Amino acid sequence: MNLFIKTESEIKSLRESGKRLASVLAAVMREARPGVSTFELDALAEKLIHEASGTPIFKGYGASSGRPFPGSLCTSLNDEVVHGIPSKNRILKDGDILKLDIGMRFEGMVSDMARTVAIGKISPEAEKLMRVTEESLLAGISVLRPGARVKDYARAVQDHVEQNGFSVVRDLVGHSVGRELHEDIQIPNYVTRDLPNVTFEKGMTLALEPMVNAGKFYVKIASDGWTFVTSDGSLSAHFEDTIVITDDGAENLTRL
């Protein structure tokens, strides 16, 4: 038995989890504008998750390490790639790009998603970076079906990103998801000799998440111990969806 294949009942709950989470994030995105703090967005996200009968999956994550994540929402600005910590001192301003990453447990099942948001008027480069990153995710999802392999997904993402002059982050990858936030299958967004030897099967559920830099693909950890930033200070974008492998493709569970 493949432990990564979910039951019909679990997929039904995960489908509802994804739908509710997408509605929560859409509401948070509408409030992301100049003058708003990332702390305010986090507070709104947590409130809406609870109103959706869910539990924030990020808050307290990593407690066993002694440094639990303090927010329900990751808020990463500009050269921050992922895992940015919400703060009353981080005030959004015109020209920023903000990555919002959010997860929720509902009826026992975890959905996970991310979007990059333009704050006010942004540069043409930032607009292109956001567009290409989202397109790369959708290109990767489009090749998924029973019998496809991790390499098929990774190649589709990497090709689209690099053809547009950007780079795929190597140190952070997607993952299987559902019963837990991070299950054991890792899904890189680039091709390497060390790709997992995984063939996708109907009922597998995955959180796919290209992270794309305008400059080089190198990243480093900031002094807070959580936030990944680009090593060269370039902009970064991030899009993520939770999907389930179906009979003949993949169903996106976090797109409204």
C-alpha atoms as a PDB file:
ATOM      1  CA  MET A   1       0.000   0.000   0.000  1.00  0.00           C
ATOM      2  CA  ASN A   2       1.311   3.466  -0.906  1.00  0.00           C
ATOM      3  CA  LEU A   3       1.065   5.509   2.287  1.00  0.00           C
ATOM      4  CA  PHE A   4       1.062   8.751   0.295  1.00  0.00           C
ATOM      5  CA  ILE A   5      -2.216   7.935  -1.480  1.00  0.00           C
ATOM      6  CA  LYS A   6      -5.184   9.474   0.269  1.00  0.00           C
ATOM      7  CA  THR A   7      -8.620   7.893   0.663  1.00  0.00           C
ATOM      8  CA  GLU A   8     -11.673   9.318  -1.068  1.00  0.00           C
ATOM      9  CA  SER A   9     -12.868  10.614   2.297  1.00  0.00           C
ATOM     10  CA  GLU A  10      -9.541  12.325   2.955  1.00  0.00           C
ATOM     11  CA  ILE A  11      -9.520  13.894  -0.510  1.00  0.00           C
ATOM     12  CA  LYS A  12     -13.048  15.198   0.054  1.00  0.00           C
ATOM     13  CA  SER A  13     -11.916  16.897   3.281  1.00  0.00           C
ATOM     14  CA  LEU A  14      -8.733  18.176   1.631  1.00  0.00           C
ATOM     15  CA  ARG A  15     -10.746  19.596  -1.264  1.00  0.00           C
ATOM     16  CA  GLU A  16     -12.885  21.542   1.210  1.00  0.00           C
ATOM     17  CA  SER A  17      -9.805  22.574   3.178  1.00  0.00           C
ATOM     18  CA  GLY A  18      -8.227  23.945   0.017  1.00  0.00           C
ATOM     19  CA  LYS A  19     -11.359  25.796  -1.015  1.00  0.00           C
ATOM     20  CA  ARG A  20     -11.712  27.451   2.383  1.00  0.00           C
ATOM     21  CA  LEU A  21      -8.027  28.308   2.568  1.00  0.00           C
ATOM     22  CA  ALA A  22      -8.123  29.909  -0.884  1.00  0.00           C
ATOM     23  CA  SER A  23     -11.025  32.095   0.247  1.00  0.00           C
ATOM     24  CA  VAL A  24      -9.087  33.125   3.350  1.00  0.00           C
ATOM     25  CA  LEU A  25      -6.001  34.082   1.367  1.00  0.00           C
ATOM     26  CA  ALA A  26      -8.054  35.970  -1.215  1.00  0.00           C
ATOM     27  CA  ALA A  27      -9.487  38.110   1.588  1.00  0.00           C
ATOM     28  CA  VAL A  28      -6.019  38.736   3.039  1.00  0.00           C
ATOM     29  CA  MET A  29      -4.659  39.690  -0.389  1.00  0.00           C
ATOM     30  CA  ARG A  30      -7.375  42.332  -0.754  1.00  0.00           C
ATOM     31  CA  GLU A  31      -6.068  44.035   2.405  1.00  0.00           C
ATOM     32  CA  ALA A  32      -2.418  44.031   1.293  1.00  0.00           C
ATOM     33  CA  ARG A  33      -1.783  47.668   0.368  1.00  0.00           C
ATOM     34  CA  PRO A  34       0.550  50.542   1.273  1.00  0.00           C
ATOM     35  CA  GLY A  35       0.398  51.517   4.936  1.00  0.00           C
ATOM     36  CA  VAL A  36      -0.712  48.108   6.236  1.00  0.00           C
ATOM     37  CA  SER A  37       1.644  46.101   8.460  1.00  0.00           C
ATOM     38  CA  THR A  38       2.392  42.428   7.902  1.00  0.00           C
ATOM     39  CA  PHE A  39       1.267  41.889  11.513  1.00  0.00           C
ATOM     40  CA  GLU A  40      -2.214  43.129  10.585  1.00  0.00           C
ATOM     41  CA  LEU A  41      -2.376  40.704   7.662  1.00  0.00           C
ATOM     42  CA  ASP A  42      -1.331  37.840   9.914  1.00  0.00           C
ATOM     43  CA  ALA A  43      -3.992  38.707  12.491  1.00  0.00           C
ATOM     44  CA  LEU A  44      -6.619  38.796   9.754  1.00  0.00           C
ATOM     45  CA  ALA A  45      -5.474  35.453   8.338  1.00  0.00           C
ATOM     46  CA  GLU A  46      -5.675  33.762  11.740  1.00  0.00           C
ATOM     47  CA  LYS A  47      -9.131  35.205  12.404  1.00  0.00           C
ATOM     48  CA  LEU A  48     -10.450  34.048   9.026  1.00  0.00           C
ATOM     49  CA  ILE A  49      -8.956  30.565   9.372  1.00  0.00           C
ATOM     50  CA  HIS A  50     -10.773  30.089  12.665  1.00  0.00           C
ATOM     51  CA  GLU A  51     -13.990  31.456  11.150  1.00  0.00           C
ATOM     52  CA  ALA A  52     -13.583  28.841   8.395  1.00  0.00           C
ATOM     53  CA  SER A  53     -13.518  26.131  11.111  1.00  0.00           C
ATOM     54  CA  GLY A  54      -9.833  25.533  10.482  1.00  0.00           C
ATOM     55  CA  THR A  55      -6.626  25.583  12.492  1.00  0.00           C
ATOM     56  CA  PRO A  56      -3.555  27.602  11.431  1.00  0.00           C
ATOM     57  CA  ILE A  57      -0.870  25.027  10.646  1.00  0.00           C
ATOM     58  CA  PHE A  58       2.112  27.407  10.642  1.00  0.00           C
ATOM     59  CA  LYS A  59       1.625  28.953  14.084  1.00  0.00           C
ATOM     60  CA  GLY A  60       3.933  27.196  16.512  1.00  0.00           C
ATOM     61  CA  TYR A  61       5.524  25.115  13.753  1.00  0.00           C
ATOM     62  CA  GLY A  62       9.024  24.030  14.724  1.00  0.00           C
ATOM     63  CA  ALA A  63       8.338  24.182  18.462  1.00  0.00           C
ATOM     64  CA  SER A  64      10.491  21.102  19.032  1.00  0.00           C
ATOM     65  CA  SER A  65      13.519  23.078  17.842  1.00  0.00           C
ATOM     66  CA  GLY A  66      12.918  25.749  20.466  1.00  0.00           C
ATOM     67  CA  ARG A  67      12.097  28.415  17.843  1.00  0.00           C
ATOM     68  CA  PRO A  68       8.405  28.038  16.974  1.00  0.00           C
ATOM     69  CA  PHE A  69       7.121  30.124  14.086  1.00  0.00           C
ATOM     70  CA  PRO A  70       5.123  32.975  15.666  1.00  0.00           C
ATOM     71  CA  GLY A  71       2.580  33.661  12.916  1.00  0.00           C
ATOM     72  CA  SER A  72      -0.280  31.988  11.073  1.00  0.00           C
ATOM     73  CA  LEU A  73       0.926  33.564   7.829  1.00  0.00           C
ATOM     74  CA  CYS A  74       4.391  33.857   6.305  1.00  0.00           C
ATOM     75  CA  THR A  75       4.953  37.382   4.966  1.00  0.00           C
ATOM     76  CA  SER A  76       8.096  37.777   2.841  1.00  0.00           C
ATOM     77  CA  LEU A  77       8.970  41.112   1.216  1.00  0.00           C
ATOM     78  CA  ASN A  78      10.987  41.779  -1.932  1.00  0.00           C
ATOM     79  CA  ASP A  79      14.314  39.882  -1.591  1.00  0.00           C
ATOM     80  CA  GLU A  80      12.822  37.651   1.106  1.00  0.00           C
ATOM     81  CA  VAL A  81      12.010  34.307  -0.495  1.00  0.00           C
ATOM     82  CA  VAL A  82       9.893  32.508   2.114  1.00  0.00           C
ATOM     83  CA  HIS A  83       9.139  32.214   5.845  1.00  0.00           C
ATOM     84  CA  GLY A  84       9.105  35.946   6.572  1.00  0.00           C
ATOM     85  CA  ILE A  85       7.838  36.669  10.088  1.00  0.00           C
ATOM     86  CA  PRO A  86       4.888  39.092  10.423  1.00  0.00           C
ATOM     87  CA  SER A  87       5.744  42.262  12.336  1.00  0.00           C
ATOM     88  CA  LYS A  88       4.120  45.509  13.404  1.00  0.00           C
ATOM     89  CA  ASN A  89       7.282  47.215  12.121  1.00  0.00           C
ATOM     90  CA  ARG A  90       7.015  45.850   8.568  1.00  0.00           C
ATOM     91  CA  ILE A  91       4.795  48.402   6.854  1.00  0.00           C
ATOM     92  CA  LEU A  92       3.956  47.774   3.206  1.00  0.00           C
ATOM     93  CA  LYS A  93       4.881  50.499   0.770  1.00  0.00           C
ATOM     94  CA  ASP A  94       4.287  51.276  -2.870  1.00  0.00           C
ATOM     95  CA  GLY A  95       6.475  49.124  -5.121  1.00  0.00           C
ATOM     96  CA  ASP A  96       6.872  46.166  -2.743  1.00  0.00           C
ATOM     97  CA  ILE A  97       6.141  42.599  -3.745  1.00  0.00           C
ATOM     98  CA  LEU A  98       4.816  40.503  -0.875  1.00  0.00           C
ATOM     99  CA  LYS A  99       4.789  36.721  -0.655  1.00  0.00           C
ATOM    100  CA  LEU A 100       1.894  35.357   1.412  1.00  0.00           C
ATOM    101  CA  ASP A 101       2.222  31.690   2.407  1.00  0.00           C
ATOM    102  CA  ILE A 102      -0.545  30.071   4.434  1.00  0.00           C
ATOM    103  CA  GLY A 103      -1.653  26.636   5.631  1.00  0.00           C
ATOM    104  CA  MET A 104      -4.700  25.250   7.392  1.00  0.00           C
ATOM    105  CA  ARG A 105      -5.891  21.999   8.919  1.00  0.00           C
ATOM    106  CA  PHE A 106      -9.569  21.245   8.309  1.00  0.00           C
ATOM    107  CA  GLU A 107     -11.278  17.957   9.200  1.00  0.00           C
ATOM    108  CA  GLY A 108      -7.833  16.556   9.865  1.00  0.00           C
ATOM    109  CA  MET A 109      -6.390  17.443   6.446  1.00  0.00           C
ATOM    110  CA  VAL A 110      -3.777  20.108   5.696  1.00  0.00           C
ATOM    111  CA  SER A 111      -3.836  22.399   2.653  1.00  0.00           C
ATOM    112  CA  ASP A 112      -0.975  24.753   1.831  1.00  0.00           C
ATOM    113  CA  MET A 113      -0.729  27.623  -0.666  1.00  0.00           C
ATOM    114  CA  ALA A 114       1.099  30.849  -1.472  1.00  0.00           C
ATOM    115  CA  ARG A 115       0.689  33.892  -3.678  1.00  0.00           C
ATOM    116  CA  THR A 116       2.872  36.895  -4.479  1.00  0.00           C
ATOM    117  CA  VAL A 117       1.081  40.236  -4.317  1.00  0.00           C
ATOM    118  CA  ALA A 118       1.954  43.583  -5.895  1.00  0.00           C
ATOM    119  CA  ILE A 119       1.748  46.479  -3.444  1.00  0.00           C
ATOM    120  CA  GLY A 120       0.725  49.587  -5.329  1.00  0.00           C
ATOM    121  CA  LYS A 121       2.622  50.194  -8.563  1.00  0.00           C
ATOM    122  CA  ILE A 122       5.551  47.820  -9.034  1.00  0.00           C
ATOM    123  CA  SER A 123       8.416  47.727 -11.542  1.00  0.00           C
ATOM    124  CA  PRO A 124       8.122  45.971 -14.918  1.00  0.00           C
ATOM    125  CA  GLU A 125      10.768  43.466 -13.756  1.00  0.00           C
ATOM    126  CA  ALA A 126       8.740  42.629 -10.654  1.00  0.00           C
ATOM    127  CA  GLU A 127       5.588  42.222 -12.753  1.00  0.00           C
ATOM    128  CA  LYS A 128       7.386  39.840 -15.101  1.00  0.00           C
ATOM    129  CA  LEU A 129       8.911  37.882 -12.217  1.00  0.00           C
ATOM    130  CA  MET A 130       5.509  37.368 -10.616  1.00  0.00           C
ATOM    131  CA  ARG A 131       3.884  36.367 -13.893  1.00  0.00           C
ATOM    132  CA  VAL A 132       6.608  33.914 -14.878  1.00  0.00           C
ATOM    133  CA  THR A 133       6.666  32.298 -11.431  1.00  0.00           C
ATOM    134  CA  GLU A 134       2.929  31.637 -11.485  1.00  0.00           C
ATOM    135  CA  GLU A 135       3.121  30.423 -15.076  1.00  0.00           C
ATOM    136  CA  SER A 136       5.907  28.009 -14.121  1.00  0.00           C
ATOM    137  CA  LEU A 137       3.741  26.479 -11.385  1.00  0.00           C
ATOM    138  CA  LEU A 138       0.847  26.002 -13.785  1.00  0.00           C
ATOM    139  CA  ALA A 139       3.221  24.537 -16.404  1.00  0.00           C
ATOM    140  CA  GLY A 140       4.438  22.015 -13.859  1.00  0.00           C
ATOM    141  CA  ILE A 141       0.931  21.063 -12.776  1.00  0.00           C
ATOM    142  CA  SER A 142      -0.099  20.600 -16.424  1.00  0.00           C
ATOM    143  CA  VAL A 143       2.272  17.632 -16.897  1.00  0.00           C
ATOM    144  CA  LEU A 144       1.109  15.738 -13.819  1.00  0.00           C
ATOM    145  CA  ARG A 145      -0.887  12.520 -14.189  1.00  0.00           C
ATOM    146  CA  PRO A 146      -0.532   8.905 -13.095  1.00  0.00           C
ATOM    147  CA  GLY A 147       2.767   7.608 -14.461  1.00  0.00           C
ATOM    148  CA  ALA A 148       4.448  11.031 -14.599  1.00  0.00           C
ATOM    149  CA  ARG A 149       7.626  11.482 -12.603  1.00  0.00           C
ATOM    150  CA  VAL A 150       9.116  14.222 -10.465  1.00  0.00           C
ATOM    151  CA  LYS A 151      11.529  14.989 -13.311  1.00  0.00           C
ATOM    152  CA  ASP A 152       8.623  15.817 -15.641  1.00  0.00           C
ATOM    153  CA  TYR A 153       7.312  18.418 -13.222  1.00  0.00           C
ATOM    154  CA  ALA A 154      10.760  19.816 -12.407  1.00  0.00           C
ATOM    155  CA  ARG A 155      11.713  20.138 -16.084  1.00  0.00           C
ATOM    156  CA  ALA A 156       8.502  21.992 -16.964  1.00  0.00           C
ATOM    157  CA  VAL A 157       9.035  24.511 -14.150  1.00  0.00           C
ATOM    158  CA  GLN A 158      12.745  25.061 -14.706  1.00  0.00           C
ATOM    159  CA  ASP A 159      12.469  25.404 -18.474  1.00  0.00           C
ATOM    160  CA  HIS A 160       9.808  28.103 -18.231  1.00  0.00           C
ATOM    161  CA  VAL A 161      11.691  30.044 -15.571  1.00  0.00           C
ATOM    162  CA  GLU A 162      15.074  29.959 -17.293  1.00  0.00           C
ATOM    163  CA  GLN A 163      13.667  30.724 -20.740  1.00  0.00           C
ATOM    164  CA  ASN A 164      12.456  33.978 -19.203  1.00  0.00           C
ATOM    165  CA  GLY A 165      15.835  34.904 -17.713  1.00  0.00           C
ATOM    166  CA  PHE A 166      15.184  34.035 -14.061  1.00  0.00           C
ATOM    167  CA  SER A 167      16.498  31.315 -11.726  1.00  0.00           C
ATOM    168  CA  VAL A 168      14.852  28.570  -9.666  1.00  0.00           C
ATOM    169  CA  VAL A 169      15.773  28.392  -5.982  1.00  0.00           C
ATOM    170  CA  ARG A 170      17.576  25.111  -5.236  1.00  0.00           C
ATOM    171  CA  ASP A 171      17.563  24.986  -1.447  1.00  0.00           C
ATOM    172  CA  LEU A 172      13.776  24.940  -1.015  1.00  0.00           C
ATOM    173  CA  VAL A 173      11.338  22.506  -2.612  1.00  0.00           C
ATOM    174  CA  GLY A 174       7.716  21.364  -2.697  1.00  0.00           C
ATOM    175  CA  HIS A 175       6.463  18.327  -0.810  1.00  0.00           C
ATOM    176  CA  SER A 176       3.677  15.844  -0.365  1.00  0.00           C
ATOM    177  CA  VAL A 177       0.979  17.136   1.956  1.00  0.00           C
ATOM    178  CA  GLY A 178      -2.370  16.156   3.446  1.00  0.00           C
ATOM    179  CA  ARG A 179      -2.258  14.313   6.734  1.00  0.00           C
ATOM    180  CA  GLU A 180       0.677  16.513   7.738  1.00  0.00           C
ATOM    181  CA  LEU A 181       2.096  19.784   6.428  1.00  0.00           C
ATOM    182  CA  HIS A 182       5.391  18.289   5.278  1.00  0.00           C
ATOM    183  CA  GLU A 183       5.150  14.652   4.244  1.00  0.00           C
ATOM    184  CA  ASP A 184       8.141  12.694   3.010  1.00  0.00           C
ATOM    185  CA  ILE A 185       8.093  13.132  -0.777  1.00  0.00           C
ATOM    186  CA  GLN A 186      10.131  16.156  -1.817  1.00  0.00           C
ATOM    187  CA  ILE A 187       9.304  17.859  -5.131  1.00  0.00           C
ATOM    188  CA  PRO A 188      12.172  20.038  -6.433  1.00  0.00           C
ATOM    189  CA  ASN A 189      11.416  22.731  -8.993  1.00  0.00           C
ATOM    190  CA  TYR A 190      14.580  22.027 -10.974  1.00  0.00           C
ATOM    191  CA  VAL A 191      16.259  18.993 -12.521  1.00  0.00           C
ATOM    192  CA  THR A 192      19.118  17.356 -10.655  1.00  0.00           C
ATOM    193  CA  ARG A 193      20.705  13.924 -10.581  1.00  0.00           C
ATOM    194  CA  ASP A 194      19.345  13.481  -7.070  1.00  0.00           C
ATOM    195  CA  LEU A 195      15.650  13.816  -7.913  1.00  0.00           C
ATOM    196  CA  PRO A 196      13.365  11.485  -5.901  1.00  0.00           C
ATOM    197  CA  ASN A 197      12.600   8.232  -7.719  1.00  0.00           C
ATOM    198  CA  VAL A 198       8.849   8.791  -7.506  1.00  0.00           C
ATOM    199  CA  THR A 199       6.121   7.956 -10.007  1.00  0.00           C
ATOM    200  CA  PHE A 200       2.900   9.856  -9.369  1.00  0.00           C
ATOM    201  CA  GLU A 201      -0.228   7.814  -8.699  1.00  0.00           C
ATOM    202  CA  LYS A 202      -3.905   8.648  -8.441  1.00  0.00           C
ATOM    203  CA  GLY A 203      -4.719   9.926  -4.964  1.00  0.00           C
ATOM    204  CA  MET A 204      -1.345  11.466  -4.178  1.00  0.00           C
ATOM    205  CA  THR A 205      -1.630  14.989  -2.770  1.00  0.00           C
ATOM    206  CA  LEU A 206       1.172  17.498  -3.218  1.00  0.00           C
ATOM    207  CA  ALA A 207       2.077  21.082  -2.325  1.00  0.00           C
ATOM    208  CA  LEU A 208       3.926  22.428  -5.367  1.00  0.00           C
ATOM    209  CA  GLU A 209       5.747  25.723  -4.955  1.00  0.00           C
ATOM    210  CA  PRO A 210       8.250  27.287  -7.338  1.00  0.00           C
ATOM    211  CA  MET A 211      10.382  29.973  -5.711  1.00  0.00           C
ATOM    212  CA  VAL A 212      12.008  32.099  -8.402  1.00  0.00           C
ATOM    213  CA  ASN A 213      14.700  34.779  -8.146  1.00  0.00           C
ATOM    214  CA  ALA A 214      15.330  37.656 -10.512  1.00  0.00           C
ATOM    215  CA  GLY A 215      19.073  37.143  -9.967  1.00  0.00           C
ATOM    216  CA  LYS A 216      21.047  34.040  -9.012  1.00  0.00           C
ATOM    217  CA  PHE A 217      19.354  31.068  -7.345  1.00  0.00           C
ATOM    218  CA  TYR A 218      21.422  31.246  -4.135  1.00  0.00           C
ATOM    219  CA  VAL A 219      19.648  31.957  -0.839  1.00  0.00           C
ATOM    220  CA  LYS A 220      20.659  32.354   2.797  1.00  0.00           C
ATOM    221  CA  ILE A 221      18.976  32.479   6.203  1.00  0.00           C
ATOM    222  CA  ALA A 222      18.396  35.884   7.788  1.00  0.00           C
ATOM    223  CA  SER A 223      19.339  36.661  11.379  1.00  0.00           C
ATOM    224  CA  ASP A 224      15.826  35.780  12.633  1.00  0.00           C
ATOM    225  CA  GLY A 225      16.564  32.119  11.910  1.00  0.00           C
ATOM    226  CA  TRP A 226      13.462  31.693   9.755  1.00  0.00           C
ATOM    227  CA  THR A 227      13.464  33.984   6.741  1.00  0.00           C
ATOM    228  CA  PHE A 228      15.213  32.906   3.554  1.00  0.00           C
ATOM    229  CA  VAL A 229      16.536  35.811   1.467  1.00  0.00           C
ATOM    230  CA  THR A 230      18.268  35.979  -1.897  1.00  0.00           C
ATOM    231  CA  SER A 231      22.045  36.025  -1.496  1.00  0.00           C
ATOM    232  CA  ASP A 232      22.459  38.800  -4.077  1.00  0.00           C
ATOM    233  CA  GLY A 233      19.594  40.984  -2.861  1.00  0.00           C
ATOM    234  CA  SER A 234      17.494  40.376  -5.971  1.00  0.00           C
ATOM    235  CA  LEU A 235      13.713  40.128  -5.950  1.00  0.00           C
ATOM    236  CA  SER A 236      12.021  36.768  -5.405  1.00  0.00           C
ATOM    237  CA  ALA A 237       8.507  35.471  -6.104  1.00  0.00           C
ATOM    238  CA  HIS A 238       6.645  32.419  -4.803  1.00  0.00           C
ATOM    239  CA  PHE A 239       3.433  30.680  -5.857  1.00  0.00           C
ATOM    240  CA  GLU A 240       2.083  27.465  -4.353  1.00  0.00           C
ATOM    241  CA  ASP A 241      -0.963  25.231  -4.728  1.00  0.00           C
ATOM    242  CA  THR A 242      -2.149  21.986  -3.185  1.00  0.00           C
ATOM    243  CA  ILE A 243      -3.099  19.433  -5.853  1.00  0.00           C
ATOM    244  CA  VAL A 244      -4.349  15.856  -6.051  1.00  0.00           C
ATOM    245  CA  ILE A 245      -3.398  13.429  -8.816  1.00  0.00           C
ATOM    246  CA  THR A 246      -6.527  12.237 -10.637  1.00  0.00           C
ATOM    247  CA  ASP A 247      -7.264   9.557 -13.244  1.00  0.00           C
ATOM    248  CA  ASP A 248      -5.919  11.651 -16.104  1.00  0.00           C
ATOM    249  CA  GLY A 249      -4.241  14.727 -14.656  1.00  0.00           C
ATOM    250  CA  ALA A 250      -4.192  16.843 -11.502  1.00  0.00           C
ATOM    251  CA  GLU A 251      -6.923  18.748  -9.690  1.00  0.00           C
ATOM    252  CA  ASN A 252      -5.888  22.062  -8.160  1.00  0.00           C
ATOM    253  CA  LEU A 253      -7.482  22.286  -4.699  1.00  0.00           C
ATOM    254  CA  THR A 254      -6.462  25.847  -3.804  1.00  0.00           C
ATOM    255  CA  ARG A 255      -7.650  27.768  -6.879  1.00  0.00           C
ATOM    256  CA  LEU A 256     -11.044  29.453  -6.587  1.00  0.00           C
END
